[in-house]
Structure formats: C-alpha cells, structure tokens
Amino acid sequence: MNDSNFLWQIILNQLKTELNSEVYSTWIEPNSIENVDMQNKTLTIVSSNTLISSYLQNVFDSKFKEILKTYTTLDFQIFYNFTGNTNPIVSAPVSTSIIAEPTSVENTFESNILKKFNSSNETSRQSFPKKYRNDFYTAPSNSETLKTSKQNPNLNKNFTFDNFVVGDGSKHVFNLAYASASTPGAHNPVFVYGGVGLGKTHLLHAIGNEMELQHPHFKIKCVTSEQFLNDYLKSIGKGPEHQIASEKFRQEYRSIDALLIDDIQFFSGKTGLQQAFFHIFNELYSSQKQIVLISDRDPSHLDGLDDRLVSRFDSGVIADITPPDYETRMRIITEKCEGLGLYLSENIVSFIAGNVSGNIRQIEGVLKNIKLMTDNGATASLDLVEDILKRRTKSTKKVILPENIINITSDYYNISVDDIFSAKRVKEIVTARMIAIYLCRELTDLSLPAIGSIFNKDHSSIHYAHSKVLSMIAENKNDILKHIESIKEKMN
C-alpha cells in the first residue's frame, strides 16, 4: 500500500468510529489523498466537487491533522482540491485562512463558498445541514434567524435539508441544492428535473428554508407554476386597476433575491406567461439573483416552450434526480416511520422497500395506511403489509428477500444456513453459497457491498462468486441452470 492509500486509510478507520454512517459514506469515504510528500510533510485531499472539498477544509481540517499526527507524529500541511481543478487550496487556521483568488469562471463558486465558510467561526458552524453536523459543531442561537420563517409563507417548513434522505440518485442534486442556498447566484440558473415523488419539491423548499437561515434578510419567492400564472393573470388587462396590478407584479418578482418555481413544465404553450417570465428571468439573472426551477423533464423535452427560455435554462446547471435504490428506500422508510411514530420490524421495512420502488409518495401512502390500521388495533405484521400493498398497487408480485433466498437454497441442497455463511470448502456447500450470492444479485436490487455484508465477504469475493455462476451457466456445468430454476420456483 502506498503512502497516499495508507494515510487515507488511517483517517477512514478513525472517522468511521466517530461519525454516523451517512455522514461518513457521503462526505468522507469517497475522497482520496494524493501528492504525499513525507519529507516536506504535505499532502492533498481530493474530492469529487468543490462543495465537498470546501466542507472538508472548513470542518475536518483540524481533525485530519490530529489523526495524522497521532499515527505518524508528523504535523502535515494539507491542501484541498477537487477533480478537474488545478489550483488546490492550502489549509490554515480559520482566523488566518488563505483563500485562493479564482483564476477562472469555474473557480468563482469555490472562492464564494470559502469566503462564506470563513467569514466567521459561527457562520461556518451552522453552514451545513444538521444531519451532516457532528461533535465539531455547536447549534446557532440567533433569535433573528428563527423569526424569518414568517417572511415567506409559501415555504413548507417541513421540507429541509436535515430531513432529506440522500441516496446515490439524489446526492449530486442535494449538493447542488445546498450550494444554491449557501452561495446564491454562484450556480445560476439551477434546473432540477425528475419523475413524480422523488423529492424535487422537498429540495426546492429546503433551498428556501436554508436561505432564510443563512441569509435572514433575503426576499425569497417560492411559487408553483400555477401561482405564478395566477399572479400574471391579475396583472394583464386595460384600465387603471390593471396598470397598478401590472406594476405590483413587476415589482414583486423583480425585487427579490431568489426565485424558486415548481413544475415549470406547465409554462408550455402559454406565450404571454413565458414572455413575462422571460423578462423577469433576465433581470434577476443579470443581478445575480438565484433562480431555481423544477420540472418533470429536462429543458430539451419541454415542448411548447420558447427557444429563448430553453437556451437560458441550458446556460445554467441542469441536474436530474433518479428513483431511490433499495438501501435508500430502507432509510427513507425508517425515517418516515420515526416521523409517524410507527414501529416496523426490519423484515417488514425490507419488504416494503423491495415492493415499492416507484417513488417516495407511494412509500408515504403505504406507511400512512399501516399507521391507520395499527392505530385501530391491527398488528403490523408481514401479512397486513402485503395485503395493503396488494390493494394499493397493480402488481401483486412478491418481493424476494435475501433471507428467503438463503433459506430456500440451503433447504434445496440439504445443508444448514450456517453452512452457507461458513468458510467450509466442501463442494456442495461452495456451490450452494455461490448460487445464493448469484440469486441475491439477480433477484434483488442489492448492491455488491450490501450482499457482501450479508455473507460477511468483501466486494471482490461477491463479484467473483457471481461471475463464476454466470460462467457455469454459460457452460451449463453440472446442470446448474436446472438447479437455479428449481430454487427460483420454490421462491414463487
């Protein structure tokens, strides 16, 4: 193992025991160390984007140095960089932090974020959502900030970054959304699209709520496309009343610091509305006011929209949010259950996560159904949940859980479950173990690391077992396909 990997592994091993798993896996684990110079005691921590890089520098820099000194006795100077950037930022104490001046348009955002983080110690302490804060943070106590919630009645206070469950399909959008709230205008406009019930509206309101916390005096306008349309319709017409309404509309939308619009796709085909929005957009954009737009499709597929608007949208940052994977759905269900005061066993949570793969609203609907039934005396059993799912969904396909695969495979080969999990190299046990791994990969949407945690094996071992079975199927070795189909039939 080279110096870079060795030093980073030291940091990972230590922080894994100190941070909650979501903070660790989202903000710490994906990074790496490069350019280690043991003689001069310097190294660079490289992240995938500027937001994470800035976060690490301002939150974890002293912790990184402390860990490294404990294990190496050396006082390292740490540089921070992100993929594609050629100007790493050097670490320094907060009071004397060195901020590299941006050398290009791409670096402007990084500079803004670092200035934001280093403006004061208290500001940097409250700059990241609570779910990513740890023992290094203290809670803000600014009474003025707490009063700002009354300034923007359209913002749903239940939608925050703190209670948004981040998964692989939403991580990039989450980072972008938070950056929009903390450094408004740096990335502009922001255009987020994706299917129904994936959390787009949640993130839109989270941006507004976070802006209120970080920028208490901001004037924020958060509306749906329908609300914008209604405001526009009141402003058109002839006569003194309409002239007053027209001026009010113009001032209301052009004197703001941030414009957040949900369901922008409904602007399609409305020529007058688009014309009004075009002028508002241009004025806000030229004043570097933050614009965030939500849609169910990307700009290129917004039929009936003026080409000038599509061009404006394309000039900003476009990000899509995709359906949550199995592990993320598990975490979403667990968090929603806590909010509802509903207790479900891990087996039931796994069953729901496997069955409801469409969107978060469907998950919420199922959980509310279960809550209603249990409040009226029913027991939250697997049979009850399966019955609710059958009535709520068109498909009655039964989801296969990993434990079912393992139990049925061990029964089929007349061996124990303990044999499957053991390190025994008896041919029949090895075959059963590989088939169980193969079926877990093929019949569930578990990732290789997740399957590895079930079988207590690393990623490469799981990959090898899966590949081996595929190879045996291709050769039809030992009638393996027949055995696999027999096991699958028992599952049905």
Protein backbone atom coordinates (compact mmCIF):
# COMPACT_ATOMS: atom_id res chain seq x y z
CA MET A 1 0.00 0.00 0.00
CA ASN A 2 1.49 3.39 -1.00
CA ASP A 3 1.72 6.41 1.31
CA SER A 4 -1.44 8.02 -0.09
CA ASN A 5 -3.64 4.98 0.44
CA PHE A 6 -2.05 4.25 3.81
CA LEU A 7 -2.64 7.73 5.22
CA TRP A 8 -6.18 7.95 3.89
CA GLN A 9 -6.99 4.54 5.35
CA ILE A 10 -5.79 5.76 8.74
CA ILE A 11 -8.21 8.69 8.54
CA LEU A 12 -11.08 6.50 7.34
CA ASN A 13 -10.59 3.94 10.09
CA GLN A 14 -10.68 6.64 12.76
CA LEU A 15 -13.62 8.67 11.44
CA LYS A 16 -15.72 5.59 10.77
CA THR A 17 -15.89 5.07 14.52
CA GLU A 18 -16.72 8.71 15.28
CA LEU A 19 -19.30 9.70 12.66
CA ASN A 20 -22.72 8.34 11.81
CA SER A 21 -22.71 6.10 8.76
CA GLU A 22 -24.47 8.57 6.45
CA VAL A 23 -22.04 11.39 7.14
CA TYR A 24 -19.11 9.01 6.74
CA SER A 25 -20.27 7.40 3.48
CA THR A 26 -21.49 10.63 1.86
CA TRP A 27 -18.83 13.18 2.80
CA ILE A 28 -15.71 11.31 3.94
CA GLU A 29 -15.26 7.91 2.30
CA PRO A 30 -15.46 8.96 -1.42
CA ASN A 31 -12.40 11.23 -1.16
CA SER A 32 -8.72 10.35 -1.51
CA ILE A 33 -5.21 11.56 -0.72
CA GLU A 34 -2.69 12.46 -3.42
CA ASN A 35 0.74 14.10 -3.72
CA VAL A 36 2.09 12.92 -0.37
CA ASP A 37 5.47 14.43 0.45
CA MET A 38 6.70 12.89 3.71
CA GLN A 39 9.87 14.99 3.74
CA ASN A 40 8.06 18.32 3.47
CA LYS A 41 5.03 16.97 5.36
CA THR A 42 2.45 17.98 2.77
CA LEU A 43 -0.41 16.15 1.08
CA THR A 44 -3.57 16.90 -0.90
CA ILE A 45 -7.08 15.63 -0.16
CA VAL A 46 -9.01 15.32 -3.42
CA SER A 47 -12.82 15.39 -3.62
CA SER A 48 -15.28 14.97 -6.46
CA ASN A 49 -16.53 18.56 -6.34
CA THR A 50 -15.82 21.95 -4.80
CA LEU A 51 -18.63 21.84 -2.23
CA ILE A 52 -17.30 18.71 -0.55
CA SER A 53 -13.73 19.99 -0.78
CA SER A 54 -14.66 23.25 0.93
CA TYR A 55 -16.69 21.42 3.56
CA LEU A 56 -13.76 19.14 4.44
CA GLN A 57 -11.37 22.05 4.72
CA ASN A 58 -13.58 24.10 7.00
CA VAL A 59 -15.00 21.32 9.16
CA PHE A 60 -12.48 18.48 9.25
CA ASP A 61 -9.10 20.09 8.63
CA SER A 62 -8.03 20.15 12.29
CA LYS A 63 -9.39 16.63 12.79
CA PHE A 64 -7.45 15.29 9.81
CA LYS A 65 -4.23 16.83 11.16
CA GLU A 66 -4.89 15.47 14.63
CA ILE A 67 -5.39 11.92 13.33
CA LEU A 68 -2.32 12.06 11.11
CA LYS A 69 -0.13 13.38 13.92
CA THR A 70 -1.37 10.67 16.29
CA TYR A 71 -0.36 7.90 13.90
CA THR A 72 2.69 9.43 12.19
CA THR A 73 3.95 12.05 14.73
CA LEU A 74 4.16 14.49 11.79
CA ASP A 75 2.47 17.90 11.52
CA PHE A 76 1.10 17.77 7.98
CA GLN A 77 0.10 20.77 5.94
CA ILE A 78 -2.99 19.76 3.97
CA PHE A 79 -4.07 21.07 0.58
CA TYR A 80 -7.63 20.63 -0.67
CA ASN A 81 -8.58 20.09 -4.26
CA PHE A 82 -11.40 18.74 -6.40
CA THR A 83 -11.42 16.78 -9.64
CA GLY A 84 -10.54 18.91 -12.64
CA ASN A 85 -9.18 21.85 -10.65
CA THR A 86 -5.52 22.86 -10.97
CA ASN A 87 -5.36 25.25 -8.03
CA PRO A 88 -5.58 23.39 -4.69
CA ILE A 89 -6.44 25.36 -1.54
CA VAL A 90 -3.98 25.21 1.35
CA SER A 91 -5.32 24.60 4.84
CA ALA A 92 -4.77 27.16 7.55
CA PRO A 93 -6.33 28.25 10.86
CA VAL A 94 -9.78 29.84 10.45
CA SER A 95 -8.58 33.21 11.66
CA THR A 96 -5.85 33.37 9.01
CA SER A 97 -7.28 31.18 6.30
CA ILE A 98 -5.86 31.61 2.85
CA ILE A 99 -8.42 31.83 0.09
CA ALA A 100 -7.17 31.40 -3.43
CA GLU A 101 -8.47 34.01 -5.79
CA PRO A 102 -10.47 32.46 -8.61
CA THR A 103 -8.43 32.15 -11.76
CA SER A 104 -11.38 31.27 -13.98
CA VAL A 105 -15.16 31.31 -14.09
CA GLU A 106 -15.14 27.71 -12.82
CA ASN A 107 -13.26 28.72 -9.66
CA THR A 108 -15.64 31.57 -8.74
CA PHE A 109 -18.01 29.22 -6.95
CA GLU A 110 -15.18 27.74 -4.87
CA SER A 111 -13.99 31.17 -3.84
CA ASN A 112 -17.51 32.25 -2.86
CA ILE A 113 -18.02 29.16 -0.74
CA LEU A 114 -14.70 29.56 1.06
CA LYS A 115 -15.37 33.21 1.78
CA LYS A 116 -18.77 32.19 3.09
CA PHE A 117 -17.32 29.50 5.36
CA ASN A 118 -14.50 31.67 6.68
CA SER A 119 -16.46 34.89 7.21
CA SER A 120 -16.86 33.95 10.88
CA ASN A 121 -16.45 30.88 13.00
CA GLU A 122 -20.13 30.83 13.99
CA THR A 123 -21.28 31.13 10.40
CA SER A 124 -19.19 28.15 9.37
CA ARG A 125 -20.54 26.14 12.29
CA GLN A 126 -24.11 26.47 11.07
CA SER A 127 -23.37 26.32 7.35
CA PHE A 128 -24.17 22.66 6.81
CA PRO A 129 -27.43 20.81 7.47
CA LYS A 130 -27.80 19.29 10.94
CA LYS A 131 -27.73 15.77 9.51
CA TYR A 132 -24.13 16.40 8.39
CA ARG A 133 -23.09 18.20 11.56
CA ASN A 134 -21.16 16.35 14.22
CA ASP A 135 -19.40 16.97 17.52
CA PHE A 136 -17.33 19.73 15.95
CA TYR A 137 -20.46 21.88 15.63
CA THR A 138 -22.43 23.93 18.13
CA ALA A 139 -26.01 24.92 17.46
CA PRO A 140 -26.66 28.52 16.32
CA SER A 141 -28.54 30.74 18.74
CA ASN A 142 -29.56 33.64 16.54
CA SER A 143 -33.09 34.66 17.53
CA GLU A 144 -33.41 36.84 14.45
CA THR A 145 -32.90 33.80 12.22
CA LEU A 146 -35.69 31.95 13.97
CA LYS A 147 -38.17 34.74 13.19
CA THR A 148 -37.56 34.73 9.46
CA SER A 149 -39.90 31.78 8.85
CA LYS A 150 -42.80 34.25 8.78
CA GLN A 151 -41.29 36.16 5.88
CA ASN A 152 -42.10 33.54 3.24
CA PRO A 153 -45.43 31.83 3.99
CA ASN A 154 -45.24 29.75 0.80
CA LEU A 155 -42.27 27.80 2.14
CA ASN A 156 -43.14 24.44 3.66
CA LYS A 157 -41.17 24.33 6.91
CA ASN A 158 -41.35 20.54 6.97
CA PHE A 159 -39.08 20.36 3.92
CA THR A 160 -35.49 20.92 5.00
CA PHE A 161 -32.06 19.56 4.14
CA ASP A 162 -31.95 17.95 7.56
CA ASN A 163 -34.79 15.52 6.84
CA PHE A 164 -33.97 14.79 3.20
CA VAL A 165 -32.63 11.24 2.87
CA VAL A 166 -29.69 11.33 0.45
CA GLY A 167 -29.09 8.38 -1.86
CA ASP A 168 -26.94 7.69 -4.91
CA GLY A 169 -29.69 9.03 -7.18
CA SER A 170 -30.02 12.32 -5.30
CA LYS A 171 -26.55 13.02 -3.90
CA HIS A 172 -25.48 15.32 -6.73
CA VAL A 173 -28.78 17.23 -6.69
CA PHE A 174 -28.61 17.57 -2.90
CA ASN A 175 -25.10 19.06 -3.10
CA LEU A 176 -26.20 21.46 -5.82
CA ALA A 177 -29.34 22.47 -3.89
CA TYR A 178 -27.37 23.20 -0.74
CA ALA A 179 -24.79 25.18 -2.70
CA SER A 180 -27.61 27.26 -4.21
CA ALA A 181 -28.88 28.11 -0.73
CA SER A 182 -25.50 28.85 0.84
CA THR A 183 -23.93 30.80 -2.05
CA PRO A 184 -26.85 32.22 -4.06
CA GLY A 185 -26.06 33.20 -7.63
CA ALA A 186 -22.87 31.15 -7.89
CA HIS A 187 -24.58 28.48 -10.00
CA ASN A 188 -27.36 30.09 -11.98
CA PRO A 189 -29.93 29.13 -13.04
CA VAL A 190 -30.35 25.76 -11.36
CA PHE A 191 -32.68 23.40 -13.22
CA VAL A 192 -33.66 20.16 -11.47
CA TYR A 193 -35.79 17.54 -13.18
CA GLY A 194 -37.04 14.04 -12.46
CA GLY A 195 -40.10 11.86 -12.09
CA VAL A 196 -43.01 12.30 -9.72
CA GLY A 197 -42.45 11.86 -5.99
CA LEU A 198 -38.65 11.77 -5.96
CA GLY A 199 -38.09 14.77 -3.67
CA LYS A 200 -37.76 17.67 -6.10
CA THR A 201 -40.32 19.84 -4.29
CA HIS A 202 -38.75 18.90 -0.96
CA LEU A 203 -35.37 20.19 -2.15
CA LEU A 204 -36.90 23.36 -3.61
CA HIS A 205 -38.43 24.30 -0.25
CA ALA A 206 -35.28 23.16 1.55
CA ILE A 207 -33.34 25.71 -0.52
CA GLY A 208 -35.73 28.44 0.56
CA ASN A 209 -35.68 27.41 4.21
CA GLU A 210 -31.89 27.20 4.28
CA MET A 211 -31.64 30.61 2.61
CA GLU A 212 -33.75 32.04 5.43
CA LEU A 213 -31.31 30.61 7.96
CA GLN A 214 -28.13 31.71 6.23
CA HIS A 215 -29.44 34.96 4.68
CA PRO A 216 -32.13 36.25 7.08
CA HIS A 217 -32.76 39.45 5.12
CA PHE A 218 -33.25 37.76 1.75
CA LYS A 219 -36.53 38.26 -0.04
CA ILE A 220 -37.44 34.80 -1.37
CA LYS A 221 -40.25 33.98 -3.75
CA CYS A 222 -41.20 30.29 -3.83
CA VAL A 223 -44.20 29.52 -6.03
CA THR A 224 -45.73 26.81 -8.16
CA SER A 225 -46.22 27.46 -11.86
CA GLU A 226 -49.94 27.81 -11.12
CA GLN A 227 -49.33 30.51 -8.52
CA PHE A 228 -47.06 32.37 -10.92
CA LEU A 229 -49.76 32.09 -13.61
CA ASN A 230 -52.43 33.48 -11.27
CA ASP A 231 -50.21 36.43 -10.34
CA TYR A 232 -49.57 37.07 -14.01
CA LEU A 233 -53.27 36.93 -14.99
CA LYS A 234 -54.10 39.54 -12.35
CA SER A 235 -51.57 41.87 -13.94
CA ILE A 236 -52.88 41.86 -17.51
CA GLY A 237 -55.73 43.86 -18.99
CA LYS A 238 -56.58 47.51 -19.52
CA GLY A 239 -57.54 50.33 -17.23
CA PRO A 240 -56.03 51.90 -14.09
CA GLU A 241 -56.63 48.83 -11.91
CA HIS A 242 -54.72 46.57 -14.24
CA GLN A 243 -51.90 49.08 -14.57
CA ILE A 244 -51.50 49.07 -10.79
CA ALA A 245 -51.66 45.27 -10.74
CA SER A 246 -49.13 45.09 -13.56
CA GLU A 247 -46.67 47.32 -11.69
CA LYS A 248 -47.20 45.33 -8.49
CA PHE A 249 -46.48 42.08 -10.36
CA ARG A 250 -43.34 43.52 -11.88
CA GLN A 251 -42.03 44.82 -8.54
CA GLU A 252 -42.99 41.68 -6.66
CA TYR A 253 -40.95 39.42 -8.92
CA ARG A 254 -38.08 41.71 -9.85
CA SER A 255 -37.16 42.99 -6.39
CA ILE A 256 -36.42 39.58 -4.89
CA ASP A 257 -33.16 37.84 -4.04
CA ALA A 258 -34.24 34.34 -5.05
CA LEU A 259 -36.95 32.93 -7.29
CA LEU A 260 -37.92 29.28 -6.80
CA ILE A 261 -40.53 27.85 -9.18
CA ASP A 262 -42.02 24.35 -9.06
CA ASP A 263 -43.43 22.50 -12.11
CA ILE A 264 -42.03 24.88 -14.72
CA GLN A 265 -43.22 22.43 -17.41
CA PHE A 266 -46.72 23.91 -17.10
CA PHE A 267 -45.43 27.12 -18.70
CA SER A 268 -45.52 25.23 -22.02
CA GLY A 269 -47.89 26.69 -24.59
CA LYS A 270 -48.60 29.87 -22.60
CA THR A 271 -46.98 32.54 -24.78
CA GLY A 272 -47.87 35.62 -22.73
CA LEU A 273 -46.80 33.98 -19.49
CA GLN A 274 -43.49 32.94 -21.00
CA GLN A 275 -42.88 36.47 -22.26
CA ALA A 276 -43.44 37.91 -18.78
CA PHE A 277 -41.23 35.28 -17.19
CA PHE A 278 -38.50 35.83 -19.79
CA HIS A 279 -38.11 39.47 -18.75
CA ILE A 280 -38.21 38.62 -15.04
CA PHE A 281 -35.61 35.90 -15.58
CA ASN A 282 -33.28 38.26 -17.45
CA GLU A 283 -33.45 40.95 -14.78
CA LEU A 284 -32.87 38.55 -11.90
CA TYR A 285 -30.09 36.75 -13.76
CA SER A 286 -28.25 39.96 -14.63
CA SER A 287 -28.48 40.98 -10.96
CA GLN A 288 -27.01 37.59 -9.93
CA LYS A 289 -30.15 36.64 -8.02
CA GLN A 290 -30.61 32.91 -7.51
CA ILE A 291 -33.09 31.17 -9.81
CA VAL A 292 -34.11 27.56 -9.18
CA LEU A 293 -36.55 25.75 -11.47
CA ILE A 294 -38.15 22.35 -11.00
CA SER A 295 -39.55 20.24 -13.84
CA ASP A 296 -40.60 16.69 -14.62
CA ARG A 297 -38.35 16.62 -17.69
CA ASP A 298 -35.15 18.22 -18.95
CA PRO A 299 -35.29 21.53 -20.88
CA SER A 300 -34.76 19.89 -24.28
CA HIS A 301 -38.02 17.94 -23.84
CA LEU A 302 -40.18 20.89 -22.76
CA ASP A 303 -42.40 21.13 -25.84
CA GLY A 304 -44.21 24.42 -26.35
CA LEU A 305 -41.56 26.46 -24.55
CA ASP A 306 -39.92 29.47 -26.15
CA ASP A 307 -36.46 28.64 -27.51
CA ARG A 308 -35.09 31.68 -25.69
CA LEU A 309 -36.17 30.24 -22.34
CA VAL A 310 -34.79 26.81 -23.17
CA SER A 311 -31.50 28.50 -24.05
CA ARG A 312 -31.50 30.33 -20.70
CA PHE A 313 -32.14 27.09 -18.84
CA ASP A 314 -29.38 25.32 -20.75
CA SER A 315 -26.91 28.04 -19.76
CA GLY A 316 -27.11 27.03 -16.10
CA VAL A 317 -26.66 23.84 -14.12
CA ILE A 318 -29.02 21.01 -15.03
CA ALA A 319 -29.32 18.04 -12.69
CA ASP A 320 -31.65 15.06 -12.63
CA ILE A 321 -32.88 13.19 -9.60
CA THR A 322 -33.48 9.46 -10.02
CA PRO A 323 -35.58 6.95 -8.04
CA PRO A 324 -34.02 5.82 -4.74
CA ASP A 325 -32.33 2.42 -4.70
CA TYR A 326 -33.18 -0.34 -2.25
CA GLU A 327 -30.83 0.81 0.51
CA THR A 328 -32.03 4.41 0.24
CA ARG A 329 -35.66 3.30 0.35
CA MET A 330 -34.86 1.38 3.53
CA ARG A 331 -33.52 4.56 5.12
CA ILE A 332 -36.44 6.64 3.84
CA ILE A 333 -38.95 4.19 5.32
CA THR A 334 -37.12 4.16 8.65
CA GLU A 335 -37.11 7.96 8.84
CA LYS A 336 -40.76 8.24 7.77
CA CYS A 337 -41.71 5.68 10.42
CA GLU A 338 -39.99 7.77 13.08
CA GLY A 339 -41.99 10.79 11.96
CA LEU A 340 -45.24 8.86 12.12
CA GLY A 341 -44.45 7.19 15.43
CA LEU A 342 -44.73 3.83 13.69
CA TYR A 343 -42.62 0.82 14.61
CA LEU A 344 -41.95 -1.77 11.90
CA SER A 345 -39.58 -4.71 12.10
CA GLU A 346 -36.55 -4.72 9.82
CA ASN A 347 -38.09 -7.57 7.86
CA ILE A 348 -41.21 -5.50 7.11
CA VAL A 349 -39.17 -2.42 6.24
CA SER A 350 -37.15 -4.56 3.83
CA PHE A 351 -40.34 -5.98 2.32
CA ILE A 352 -41.82 -2.52 1.69
CA ALA A 353 -38.53 -1.24 0.26
CA GLY A 354 -38.47 -4.17 -2.14
CA ASN A 355 -42.08 -3.76 -3.23
CA VAL A 356 -42.48 0.00 -3.50
CA SER A 357 -39.79 1.09 -5.91
CA GLY A 358 -41.64 3.87 -7.72
CA ASN A 359 -41.40 7.00 -5.61
CA ILE A 360 -41.39 8.43 -2.12
CA ARG A 361 -45.05 9.44 -2.18
CA GLN A 362 -46.02 5.83 -2.68
CA ILE A 363 -43.89 4.90 0.32
CA GLU A 364 -45.59 7.59 2.41
CA GLY A 365 -49.00 6.35 1.34
CA VAL A 366 -48.23 2.78 2.35
CA LEU A 367 -46.88 3.85 5.73
CA LYS A 368 -49.91 6.04 6.43
CA ASN A 369 -52.14 3.07 5.61
CA ILE A 370 -50.20 0.89 8.03
CA LYS A 371 -50.34 3.60 10.70
CA LEU A 372 -54.10 3.90 10.31
CA MET A 373 -54.58 0.15 10.63
CA THR A 374 -52.31 -0.19 13.67
CA ASP A 375 -53.95 2.80 15.38
CA ASN A 376 -57.22 0.86 15.07
CA GLY A 377 -55.84 -2.22 16.75
CA ALA A 378 -54.21 -4.18 13.92
CA THR A 379 -50.76 -5.71 14.35
CA ALA A 380 -48.06 -4.54 11.95
CA SER A 381 -47.40 -7.98 10.53
CA LEU A 382 -45.95 -9.00 7.19
CA ASP A 383 -49.37 -10.34 6.13
CA LEU A 384 -51.01 -6.99 6.89
CA VAL A 385 -48.39 -5.07 4.93
CA GLU A 386 -48.58 -7.46 1.99
CA ASP A 387 -52.37 -7.08 1.91
CA ILE A 388 -52.06 -3.27 1.93
CA LEU A 389 -49.55 -3.38 -0.90
CA LYS A 390 -51.77 -5.66 -2.97
CA ARG A 391 -54.66 -3.25 -2.62
CA ARG A 392 -52.54 -0.19 -3.41
CA THR A 393 -50.55 -1.48 -6.37
CA LYS A 394 -51.46 -3.10 -9.65
CA SER A 395 -48.73 -5.69 -9.28
CA THR A 396 -49.04 -8.47 -6.72
CA LYS A 397 -45.57 -9.76 -7.37
CA LYS A 398 -43.99 -10.95 -4.16
CA VAL A 399 -40.62 -9.48 -3.42
CA ILE A 400 -37.89 -11.96 -2.61
CA LEU A 401 -35.80 -11.10 0.41
CA PRO A 402 -32.14 -12.15 0.79
CA GLU A 403 -33.00 -14.34 3.79
CA ASN A 404 -35.60 -16.19 1.69
CA ILE A 405 -33.01 -16.89 -0.98
CA ILE A 406 -30.53 -18.20 1.57
CA ASN A 407 -33.11 -20.35 3.41
CA ILE A 408 -34.53 -21.91 0.24
CA THR A 409 -31.08 -22.52 -1.26
CA SER A 410 -29.85 -24.24 1.90
CA ASP A 411 -33.01 -26.39 2.01
CA TYR A 412 -32.60 -27.30 -1.64
CA TYR A 413 -29.03 -28.53 -1.06
CA ASN A 414 -29.96 -30.07 2.30
CA ILE A 415 -27.39 -28.05 4.20
CA SER A 416 -27.78 -25.58 7.05
CA VAL A 417 -27.86 -21.79 6.77
CA ASP A 418 -24.75 -21.79 8.94
CA ASP A 419 -23.03 -23.83 6.22
CA ILE A 420 -23.89 -21.11 3.69
CA PHE A 421 -22.27 -18.47 5.90
CA SER A 422 -19.31 -20.64 6.85
CA ALA A 423 -15.88 -20.81 5.24
CA LYS A 424 -16.26 -24.54 4.51
CA ARG A 425 -14.83 -25.61 1.14
CA VAL A 426 -16.97 -28.73 0.66
CA LYS A 427 -18.01 -28.72 -3.00
CA GLU A 428 -21.76 -28.83 -2.39
CA ILE A 429 -21.60 -26.03 0.19
CA VAL A 430 -19.43 -23.87 -2.04
CA THR A 431 -21.89 -24.33 -4.93
CA ALA A 432 -24.89 -23.50 -2.73
CA ARG A 433 -23.12 -20.44 -1.37
CA MET A 434 -22.27 -19.14 -4.87
CA ILE A 435 -25.82 -19.74 -6.11
CA ALA A 436 -27.26 -17.90 -3.11
CA ILE A 437 -24.96 -14.97 -3.84
CA TYR A 438 -25.85 -15.10 -7.53
CA LEU A 439 -29.60 -15.07 -6.79
CA CYS A 440 -29.25 -12.22 -4.32
CA ARG A 441 -27.61 -10.23 -7.08
CA GLU A 442 -30.10 -11.22 -9.78
CA LEU A 443 -33.38 -11.18 -7.84
CA THR A 444 -32.87 -8.14 -5.61
CA ASP A 445 -31.53 -4.67 -6.25
CA LEU A 446 -28.93 -5.00 -3.51
CA SER A 447 -25.50 -3.66 -4.37
CA LEU A 448 -22.42 -5.88 -4.24
CA PRO A 449 -21.22 -4.29 -0.97
CA ALA A 450 -24.68 -4.85 0.56
CA ILE A 451 -24.63 -8.52 -0.45
CA GLY A 452 -21.10 -8.74 0.88
CA SER A 453 -22.25 -7.52 4.29
CA ILE A 454 -24.90 -10.27 4.37
CA PHE A 455 -22.41 -13.02 3.56
CA ASN A 456 -19.59 -11.38 5.53
CA LYS A 457 -17.43 -11.16 2.43
CA ASP A 458 -15.78 -8.29 0.60
CA HIS A 459 -16.89 -6.79 -2.69
CA SER A 460 -14.39 -8.75 -4.80
CA SER A 461 -15.47 -12.12 -3.34
CA ILE A 462 -19.11 -11.40 -4.15
CA HIS A 463 -18.18 -10.30 -7.65
CA TYR A 464 -16.14 -13.48 -8.15
CA ALA A 465 -18.97 -15.76 -6.97
CA HIS A 466 -21.49 -14.03 -9.25
CA SER A 467 -19.15 -14.20 -12.24
CA LYS A 468 -18.35 -17.84 -11.53
CA VAL A 469 -22.02 -18.81 -11.61
CA LEU A 470 -22.54 -16.87 -14.84
CA SER A 471 -19.64 -18.81 -16.34
CA MET A 472 -21.10 -22.11 -15.16
CA ILE A 473 -24.49 -21.19 -16.63
CA ALA A 474 -22.87 -20.41 -19.98
CA GLU A 475 -21.28 -23.88 -19.98
CA ASN A 476 -24.35 -25.46 -18.32
CA LYS A 477 -21.90 -27.06 -15.96
CA ASN A 478 -23.36 -29.65 -13.54
CA ASP A 479 -26.87 -28.77 -14.73
CA ILE A 480 -26.54 -25.58 -12.71
CA LEU A 481 -29.26 -23.78 -14.64
CA LYS A 482 -31.70 -26.54 -13.76
CA HIS A 483 -30.84 -26.19 -10.07
CA ILE A 484 -31.19 -22.42 -10.19
CA GLU A 485 -34.60 -22.62 -11.85
CA SER A 486 -35.76 -25.19 -9.28
CA ILE A 487 -34.73 -22.88 -6.44
CA LYS A 488 -36.49 -19.93 -8.10
CA GLU A 489 -39.68 -21.97 -8.48
CA LYS A 490 -39.67 -22.68 -4.75
CA MET A 491 -39.46 -18.96 -4.10
CA ASN A 492 -42.61 -18.35 -6.10
